[in-house]
Amino acid sequence: MKKSLLALALMGAFSSAAFAQSSVTIYGTLDAGITKTTHTANSAVQEAKRDNNKLGFRGVEDLGSGLKALFQLEIRFEPDTGTIEGVTRPLFQGQSRVGLQGGFGTIRAGRALTSLQETTTQFEPWSGMPNPAGFQTDIMVAGYRTALSGSGSDPLGIAGNSGNRFSNAIWYNTPVWNGFQFNVTIGSKENNGLTTPIVGRGTAAAPQYPVGSLAGAYPYSVSATYMAPGTLPQWAIYAGTERNATEVKWHSIGAYYRPIPDLKLMANYGKQDLGHILASNDGITSWMLGANYTVGPGKFLIGYGQKDPDGQLKTKQFSVGYEYSLSPRTYLYLDLSQKKLPLTATATSDTNQNHYALGIHHNF
């Protein structure tokens, strides 16, 4: 009798575990190297990074009937000092989201990359890594993430905060239908800590967005993608648009194509519309061409792009990189880049900003 009761108890325990299976994954990135970038505030050789360093926690719980609960937390830090990334950035700078996934798709709430910002990383030679050799932080996004007042995904955030994320937002991703997927992010009108007024079309005495002001309209970010069938899609396209809390808009389209599995060709076009906060010279267009080519344990990266702001000089950038894999999780890298850009917004001549970097990247 006791054995039967024990067997029933064990069966019940295993049944509950099978019904509500859950898992938590710890992951991260460590990236460190040496770099030199001319015509910057600090042009000396210094320790730096190519990619964001992060420590993440990702969890899934099976709720039954095809429904799952999800969460993801991501801390970003500086490997040379061990400190949290940035002085003013939140603890979970990378993302902090919780949500549900089922036959309807995936819905999450919290803080993370906007839908369009997340989509574009697949169409850039450096995979969206925020380093001077890459294109995703400036040219690819038509200057949307630069320090221009009112620009970026979170202009009402504290100074120095990441410019490609929404806080206080909801994300929805549809299921993939025959290669198609639709992604949308809707932000709130909340002020995320703005400490410096955004003058915009106002004056210094009466700025368009004073400290503590709310967004004039709900921020949103939308992207649609199509990927050809297969575990390694031969080609893919995307299109998307985003509006931030100061109603600055960014539109982007792009594609990639693999003529052979080891070669990936990329192209994209972007446009920024600042008409809501600027009375003149309120448009910026950009384009980029790039490629990745894998040869044995090595991978070559190359790209060229231009950014053309109304009434200002063009920015032109050419970059090359090389990665050598020591294992599936660790590689060495070398980046070389030259960026021709005006020193100031009103400059009548430009200068060459050269960037050199050598380092190691490890995923765990």
Protein backbone atom coordinates (compact mmCIF):
# COMPACT_ATOMS: atom_id res chain seq x y z
CA MET A 1 0.00 0.00 0.00
CA LYS A 2 2.82 2.38 0.89
CA LYS A 3 4.58 1.58 -2.40
CA SER A 4 1.40 2.32 -4.35
CA LEU A 5 0.98 5.64 -2.58
CA LEU A 6 4.61 6.54 -3.25
CA ALA A 7 4.23 5.64 -6.92
CA LEU A 8 1.11 7.79 -7.20
CA ALA A 9 2.87 10.72 -5.51
CA LEU A 10 5.83 10.45 -7.87
CA MET A 11 3.52 10.24 -10.90
CA GLY A 12 1.71 13.36 -9.71
CA ALA A 13 4.96 15.25 -9.23
CA PHE A 14 6.25 14.31 -12.67
CA SER A 15 2.88 15.15 -14.23
CA SER A 16 2.96 18.63 -12.72
CA ALA A 17 6.55 19.13 -13.88
CA ALA A 18 5.64 18.07 -17.42
CA PHE A 19 2.64 20.41 -17.47
CA ALA A 20 4.53 23.45 -16.19
CA GLN A 21 8.05 22.95 -17.51
CA SER A 22 10.23 26.01 -17.08
CA SER A 23 13.81 26.97 -17.82
CA VAL A 24 16.09 29.91 -17.13
CA THR A 25 19.15 30.56 -19.29
CA ILE A 26 22.10 32.70 -18.21
CA TYR A 27 23.98 34.21 -21.15
CA GLY A 28 26.27 37.09 -21.95
CA THR A 29 29.00 38.76 -23.98
CA LEU A 30 32.50 39.86 -23.07
CA ASP A 31 34.26 42.11 -25.56
CA ALA A 32 37.49 44.02 -24.95
CA GLY A 33 40.30 45.44 -27.02
CA ILE A 34 42.36 48.48 -27.87
CA THR A 35 41.26 51.26 -30.19
CA LYS A 36 42.23 54.64 -31.60
CA THR A 37 39.86 57.12 -33.25
CA THR A 38 41.25 60.38 -34.60
CA HIS A 39 39.49 63.77 -34.32
CA THR A 40 37.57 62.83 -31.18
CA ALA A 41 37.62 64.17 -27.62
CA ASN A 42 40.12 61.42 -26.73
CA SER A 43 42.16 60.35 -29.77
CA ALA A 44 44.82 58.45 -27.80
CA VAL A 45 45.14 54.67 -27.94
CA GLN A 46 42.79 53.32 -25.27
CA GLU A 47 41.01 50.23 -24.04
CA ALA A 48 37.60 49.95 -25.63
CA LYS A 49 34.95 47.55 -26.87
CA ARG A 50 33.44 46.64 -30.21
CA ASP A 51 30.18 45.21 -28.86
CA ASN A 52 28.04 45.81 -25.79
CA ASN A 53 29.10 43.72 -22.81
CA LYS A 54 26.10 42.11 -21.19
CA LEU A 55 24.85 39.62 -18.63
CA GLY A 56 21.40 38.29 -19.36
CA PHE A 57 18.71 36.06 -17.90
CA ARG A 58 16.10 34.53 -20.19
CA GLY A 59 13.24 32.39 -18.94
CA VAL A 60 10.38 30.35 -20.41
CA GLU A 61 7.53 28.60 -18.58
CA ASP A 62 5.15 26.22 -20.33
CA LEU A 63 1.63 27.09 -19.18
CA GLY A 64 -0.04 24.36 -21.22
CA SER A 65 -2.35 24.46 -24.25
CA GLY A 66 0.43 26.00 -26.35
CA LEU A 67 0.82 29.04 -24.09
CA LYS A 68 4.18 30.11 -22.63
CA ALA A 69 5.26 32.82 -20.22
CA LEU A 70 8.49 34.65 -21.12
CA PHE A 71 10.88 37.04 -19.45
CA GLN A 72 14.27 38.56 -20.28
CA LEU A 73 16.57 40.80 -18.23
CA GLU A 74 19.84 42.20 -19.59
CA ILE A 75 22.48 44.12 -17.65
CA ARG A 76 25.17 46.01 -19.57
CA PHE A 77 28.59 46.70 -18.07
CA GLU A 78 32.14 47.89 -18.79
CA PRO A 79 34.63 44.98 -18.71
CA ASP A 80 37.70 47.15 -18.03
CA THR A 81 36.26 48.55 -14.77
CA GLY A 82 33.41 46.16 -13.94
CA THR A 83 31.01 49.09 -13.60
CA ILE A 84 27.49 49.37 -15.02
CA GLU A 85 27.50 50.82 -18.55
CA GLY A 86 27.09 54.59 -18.51
CA VAL A 87 26.63 56.90 -15.55
CA THR A 88 22.93 57.57 -16.08
CA ARG A 89 21.77 54.32 -17.66
CA PRO A 90 19.40 51.89 -15.88
CA LEU A 91 20.56 48.61 -14.34
CA PHE A 92 18.76 46.57 -16.99
CA GLN A 93 19.89 48.84 -19.82
CA GLY A 94 19.74 46.10 -22.46
CA GLN A 95 16.16 45.08 -21.83
CA SER A 96 13.66 44.11 -19.18
CA ARG A 97 10.54 42.46 -20.60
CA VAL A 98 7.89 39.94 -19.58
CA GLY A 99 5.13 38.49 -21.72
CA LEU A 100 3.20 35.62 -23.25
CA GLN A 101 3.66 33.54 -26.40
CA GLY A 102 1.15 31.33 -28.16
CA GLY A 103 -0.59 30.70 -31.45
CA PHE A 104 -1.45 34.41 -31.57
CA GLY A 105 2.25 35.39 -31.59
CA THR A 106 4.28 37.06 -28.84
CA ILE A 107 3.32 40.01 -26.66
CA ARG A 108 5.70 41.57 -24.11
CA ALA A 109 5.88 44.68 -21.93
CA GLY A 110 8.81 46.64 -20.48
CA ARG A 111 11.96 48.08 -22.05
CA ALA A 112 13.96 46.91 -25.10
CA LEU A 113 15.06 47.74 -28.64
CA THR A 114 12.21 49.07 -30.75
CA SER A 115 10.80 46.74 -33.40
CA LEU A 116 12.47 48.58 -36.29
CA GLN A 117 15.83 48.98 -34.51
CA GLU A 118 15.87 45.24 -33.75
CA THR A 119 14.98 44.31 -37.34
CA THR A 120 17.72 46.40 -38.98
CA THR A 121 20.57 44.62 -37.16
CA GLN A 122 20.21 41.66 -39.54
CA PHE A 123 20.91 43.91 -42.54
CA GLU A 124 24.20 45.51 -41.47
CA PRO A 125 27.73 44.01 -41.84
CA TRP A 126 28.59 44.47 -38.12
CA SER A 127 25.19 43.03 -37.05
CA GLY A 128 24.21 46.29 -35.38
CA MET A 129 27.14 46.40 -32.95
CA PRO A 130 27.54 50.01 -31.70
CA ASN A 131 31.14 50.65 -32.70
CA PRO A 132 32.65 53.36 -34.95
CA ALA A 133 33.39 50.89 -37.77
CA GLY A 134 29.75 49.80 -37.98
CA PHE A 135 26.87 51.70 -39.58
CA GLN A 136 23.84 50.98 -37.39
CA THR A 137 24.32 53.84 -34.92
CA ASP A 138 24.54 56.68 -37.48
CA ILE A 139 24.47 56.22 -41.27
CA MET A 140 22.15 53.23 -41.46
CA VAL A 141 19.55 55.02 -39.33
CA ALA A 142 19.92 58.40 -41.10
CA GLY A 143 21.41 59.99 -38.01
CA TYR A 144 18.38 59.05 -35.94
CA ARG A 145 20.56 57.97 -32.99
CA THR A 146 22.94 60.93 -32.99
CA ALA A 147 22.95 63.69 -30.36
CA LEU A 148 20.67 65.92 -32.46
CA SER A 149 18.06 67.34 -30.07
CA GLY A 150 14.79 65.46 -30.26
CA SER A 151 16.29 62.61 -32.27
CA GLY A 152 16.55 58.93 -31.37
CA SER A 153 13.96 56.51 -30.04
CA ASP A 154 13.91 57.97 -26.51
CA PRO A 155 14.45 61.76 -26.72
CA LEU A 156 12.59 62.35 -23.43
CA GLY A 157 15.00 60.04 -21.61
CA ILE A 158 17.90 61.13 -19.42
CA ALA A 159 21.04 62.42 -21.13
CA GLY A 160 23.40 59.60 -22.10
CA ASN A 161 20.69 56.96 -22.19
CA SER A 162 20.54 54.52 -25.09
CA GLY A 163 18.97 56.09 -28.19
CA ASN A 164 17.45 52.97 -29.78
CA ARG A 165 15.05 51.68 -27.13
CA PHE A 166 11.57 52.35 -25.79
CA SER A 167 10.82 52.24 -22.08
CA ASN A 168 7.26 51.82 -20.74
CA ALA A 169 6.22 50.05 -23.94
CA ILE A 170 4.39 47.02 -25.36
CA TRP A 171 5.76 44.76 -28.13
CA TYR A 172 3.80 42.46 -30.43
CA ASN A 173 5.28 40.01 -32.94
CA THR A 174 2.97 38.00 -35.18
CA PRO A 175 3.67 34.35 -35.96
CA VAL A 176 5.71 33.81 -39.12
CA TRP A 177 3.30 33.21 -42.03
CA ASN A 178 5.02 31.74 -45.10
CA GLY A 179 8.13 33.81 -44.34
CA PHE A 180 6.28 37.04 -43.44
CA GLN A 181 6.29 38.61 -39.98
CA PHE A 182 4.89 41.88 -38.63
CA ASN A 183 6.35 43.57 -35.53
CA VAL A 184 5.06 46.60 -33.62
CA THR A 185 6.05 48.54 -30.50
CA ILE A 186 3.81 51.13 -28.83
CA GLY A 187 5.32 53.40 -26.19
CA SER A 188 3.66 55.51 -23.56
CA LYS A 189 3.63 59.32 -23.36
CA GLU A 190 5.62 59.21 -20.11
CA ASN A 191 8.68 61.34 -19.57
CA ASN A 192 11.59 58.96 -18.96
CA GLY A 193 13.78 61.42 -17.04
CA LEU A 194 14.44 64.34 -19.42
CA THR A 195 16.79 66.76 -17.61
CA THR A 196 17.64 69.12 -20.49
CA PRO A 197 14.87 70.99 -22.37
CA ILE A 198 14.41 70.32 -26.09
CA VAL A 199 14.06 73.77 -27.67
CA GLY A 200 12.70 72.50 -30.99
CA ARG A 201 10.47 75.14 -32.58
CA GLY A 202 10.27 77.06 -29.30
CA THR A 203 12.82 79.32 -27.65
CA ALA A 204 15.33 78.91 -24.86
CA ALA A 205 12.87 80.64 -22.53
CA ALA A 206 9.90 78.60 -23.78
CA PRO A 207 11.21 75.30 -25.20
CA GLN A 208 8.95 73.04 -27.22
CA TYR A 209 9.62 70.19 -24.77
CA PRO A 210 10.53 71.52 -21.30
CA VAL A 211 11.84 69.32 -18.49
CA GLY A 212 9.03 67.06 -17.28
CA SER A 213 6.91 67.39 -20.43
CA LEU A 214 5.04 64.42 -21.84
CA ALA A 215 5.13 63.19 -25.43
CA GLY A 216 2.83 65.01 -27.81
CA ALA A 217 1.76 61.71 -29.37
CA TYR A 218 2.22 58.03 -28.61
CA PRO A 219 5.62 56.78 -29.87
CA TYR A 220 5.50 53.72 -32.12
CA SER A 221 7.84 51.49 -34.13
CA VAL A 222 6.72 49.10 -36.86
CA SER A 223 8.59 46.66 -39.10
CA ALA A 224 7.59 43.99 -41.60
CA THR A 225 9.98 41.29 -42.82
CA TYR A 226 10.03 38.50 -45.36
CA MET A 227 12.65 35.75 -45.29
CA ALA A 228 13.03 33.06 -47.95
CA PRO A 229 12.54 29.46 -46.76
CA GLY A 230 15.39 27.53 -45.15
CA THR A 231 17.54 27.55 -42.01
CA LEU A 232 19.90 29.95 -43.80
CA PRO A 233 17.57 32.17 -45.90
CA GLN A 234 18.99 33.02 -49.32
CA TRP A 235 17.37 36.44 -49.23
CA ALA A 236 15.28 38.70 -47.03
CA ILE A 237 13.68 42.15 -47.15
CA TYR A 238 12.28 44.55 -44.56
CA ALA A 239 10.45 47.86 -44.35
CA GLY A 240 9.55 49.90 -41.31
CA THR A 241 8.81 53.24 -39.72
CA GLU A 242 9.16 54.77 -36.26
CA ARG A 243 7.92 57.90 -34.50
CA ASN A 244 9.46 59.01 -31.21
CA ALA A 245 8.08 61.09 -28.33
CA THR A 246 8.92 64.40 -30.08
CA GLU A 247 7.21 63.15 -33.26
CA VAL A 248 10.45 62.85 -35.20
CA LYS A 249 9.98 60.08 -37.78
CA TRP A 250 12.43 57.57 -39.24
CA HIS A 251 11.65 55.35 -42.24
CA SER A 252 13.84 52.50 -43.45
CA ILE A 253 13.92 49.73 -46.07
CA GLY A 254 16.56 47.11 -46.79
CA ALA A 255 17.45 43.68 -48.10
CA TYR A 256 20.12 41.02 -48.09
CA TYR A 257 21.00 38.27 -50.58
CA ARG A 258 23.25 35.22 -50.41
CA PRO A 259 24.49 34.19 -53.91
CA ILE A 260 26.40 31.44 -52.10
CA PRO A 261 26.06 30.39 -48.43
CA ASP A 262 29.36 32.03 -47.43
CA LEU A 263 28.60 35.46 -48.98
CA LYS A 264 25.93 37.84 -47.68
CA LEU A 265 25.28 41.09 -49.58
CA MET A 266 23.31 43.88 -47.85
CA ALA A 267 21.73 47.20 -48.81
CA ASN A 268 19.45 49.68 -47.05
CA TYR A 269 18.01 53.18 -47.32
CA GLY A 270 16.79 55.46 -44.54
CA LYS A 271 15.12 58.83 -44.12
CA GLN A 272 14.60 60.98 -41.04
CA ASP A 273 11.86 63.62 -40.85
CA LEU A 274 12.43 66.30 -38.17
CA GLY A 275 9.70 68.66 -39.37
CA HIS A 276 7.88 68.61 -36.03
CA ILE A 277 10.84 70.14 -34.17
CA LEU A 278 12.77 71.99 -36.92
CA ALA A 279 11.45 74.80 -39.12
CA SER A 280 14.10 74.27 -41.84
CA ASN A 281 16.69 71.71 -42.94
CA ASP A 282 14.40 69.09 -41.44
CA GLY A 283 15.30 66.02 -43.52
CA ILE A 284 18.17 63.52 -43.49
CA THR A 285 18.59 60.68 -46.00
CA SER A 286 21.11 57.86 -45.97
CA TRP A 287 22.08 54.64 -47.72
CA MET A 288 24.54 51.81 -47.18
CA LEU A 289 25.98 48.82 -49.06
CA GLY A 290 27.75 46.01 -47.21
CA ALA A 291 28.91 42.41 -47.31
CA ASN A 292 30.10 39.52 -45.13
CA TYR A 293 32.27 36.77 -46.61
CA THR A 294 33.25 33.67 -44.63
CA VAL A 295 36.42 31.75 -45.52
CA GLY A 296 37.19 28.85 -43.19
CA PRO A 297 37.49 30.18 -39.62
CA GLY A 298 37.65 33.78 -40.87
CA LYS A 299 35.01 36.31 -41.85
CA PHE A 300 35.53 39.54 -43.81
CA LEU A 301 33.25 42.53 -43.23
CA ILE A 302 33.01 45.53 -45.56
CA GLY A 303 30.67 48.47 -45.99
CA TYR A 304 30.26 51.91 -47.52
CA GLY A 305 27.54 54.45 -46.77
CA GLN A 306 26.52 58.09 -46.92
CA LYS A 307 24.33 60.38 -44.81
CA ASP A 308 22.98 63.56 -46.39
CA PRO A 309 21.36 66.12 -44.03
CA ASP A 310 19.47 69.04 -45.59
CA GLY A 311 21.65 72.16 -45.74
CA GLN A 312 24.76 70.38 -44.38
CA LEU A 313 27.76 68.48 -45.68
CA LYS A 314 27.43 64.76 -46.37
CA THR A 315 28.97 62.17 -44.10
CA LYS A 316 30.75 59.35 -45.96
CA GLN A 317 32.06 56.18 -44.34
CA PHE A 318 34.09 53.20 -45.56
CA SER A 319 34.84 50.33 -43.18
CA VAL A 320 36.50 46.92 -43.32
CA GLY A 321 36.81 44.28 -40.64
CA TYR A 322 38.08 40.76 -40.09
CA GLU A 323 37.06 38.13 -37.55
CA TYR A 324 39.00 34.94 -36.81
CA SER A 325 37.10 32.28 -34.88
CA LEU A 326 39.04 30.43 -32.21
CA SER A 327 35.89 28.45 -31.31
CA PRO A 328 32.14 28.66 -31.94
CA ARG A 329 31.93 31.20 -29.07
CA THR A 330 35.21 33.17 -29.28
CA TYR A 331 36.81 35.23 -32.04
CA LEU A 332 39.51 37.84 -32.54
CA TYR A 333 38.69 40.93 -34.58
CA LEU A 334 40.32 43.80 -36.46
CA ASP A 335 38.38 46.89 -37.63
CA LEU A 336 39.56 49.75 -39.85
CA SER A 337 37.32 52.66 -40.83
CA GLN A 338 37.49 56.11 -42.36
CA LYS A 339 34.60 58.54 -41.89
CA LYS A 340 34.55 61.87 -43.71
CA LEU A 341 32.31 64.20 -41.72
CA PRO A 342 31.87 67.90 -40.83
CA LEU A 343 33.33 68.86 -37.46
CA THR A 344 30.19 70.91 -36.67
CA ALA A 345 26.70 71.21 -38.10
CA THR A 346 27.57 74.52 -39.76
CA ALA A 347 31.05 73.54 -41.02
CA THR A 348 31.91 74.37 -44.65
CA SER A 349 34.62 71.71 -44.85
CA ASP A 350 34.92 68.17 -43.56
CA THR A 351 37.59 66.05 -41.95
CA ASN A 352 38.64 62.41 -42.00
CA GLN A 353 38.00 60.51 -38.78
CA ASN A 354 40.05 57.31 -38.81
CA HIS A 355 39.23 54.38 -36.53
CA TYR A 356 41.41 51.37 -35.69
CA ALA A 357 40.45 48.54 -33.32
CA LEU A 358 41.85 45.16 -32.29
CA GLY A 359 40.19 42.89 -29.73
CA ILE A 360 38.57 39.66 -28.58
CA HIS A 361 34.88 38.78 -28.38
CA HIS A 362 33.43 35.91 -26.30
CA ASN A 363 29.84 34.70 -25.94
CA PHE A 364 28.70 32.48 -23.09
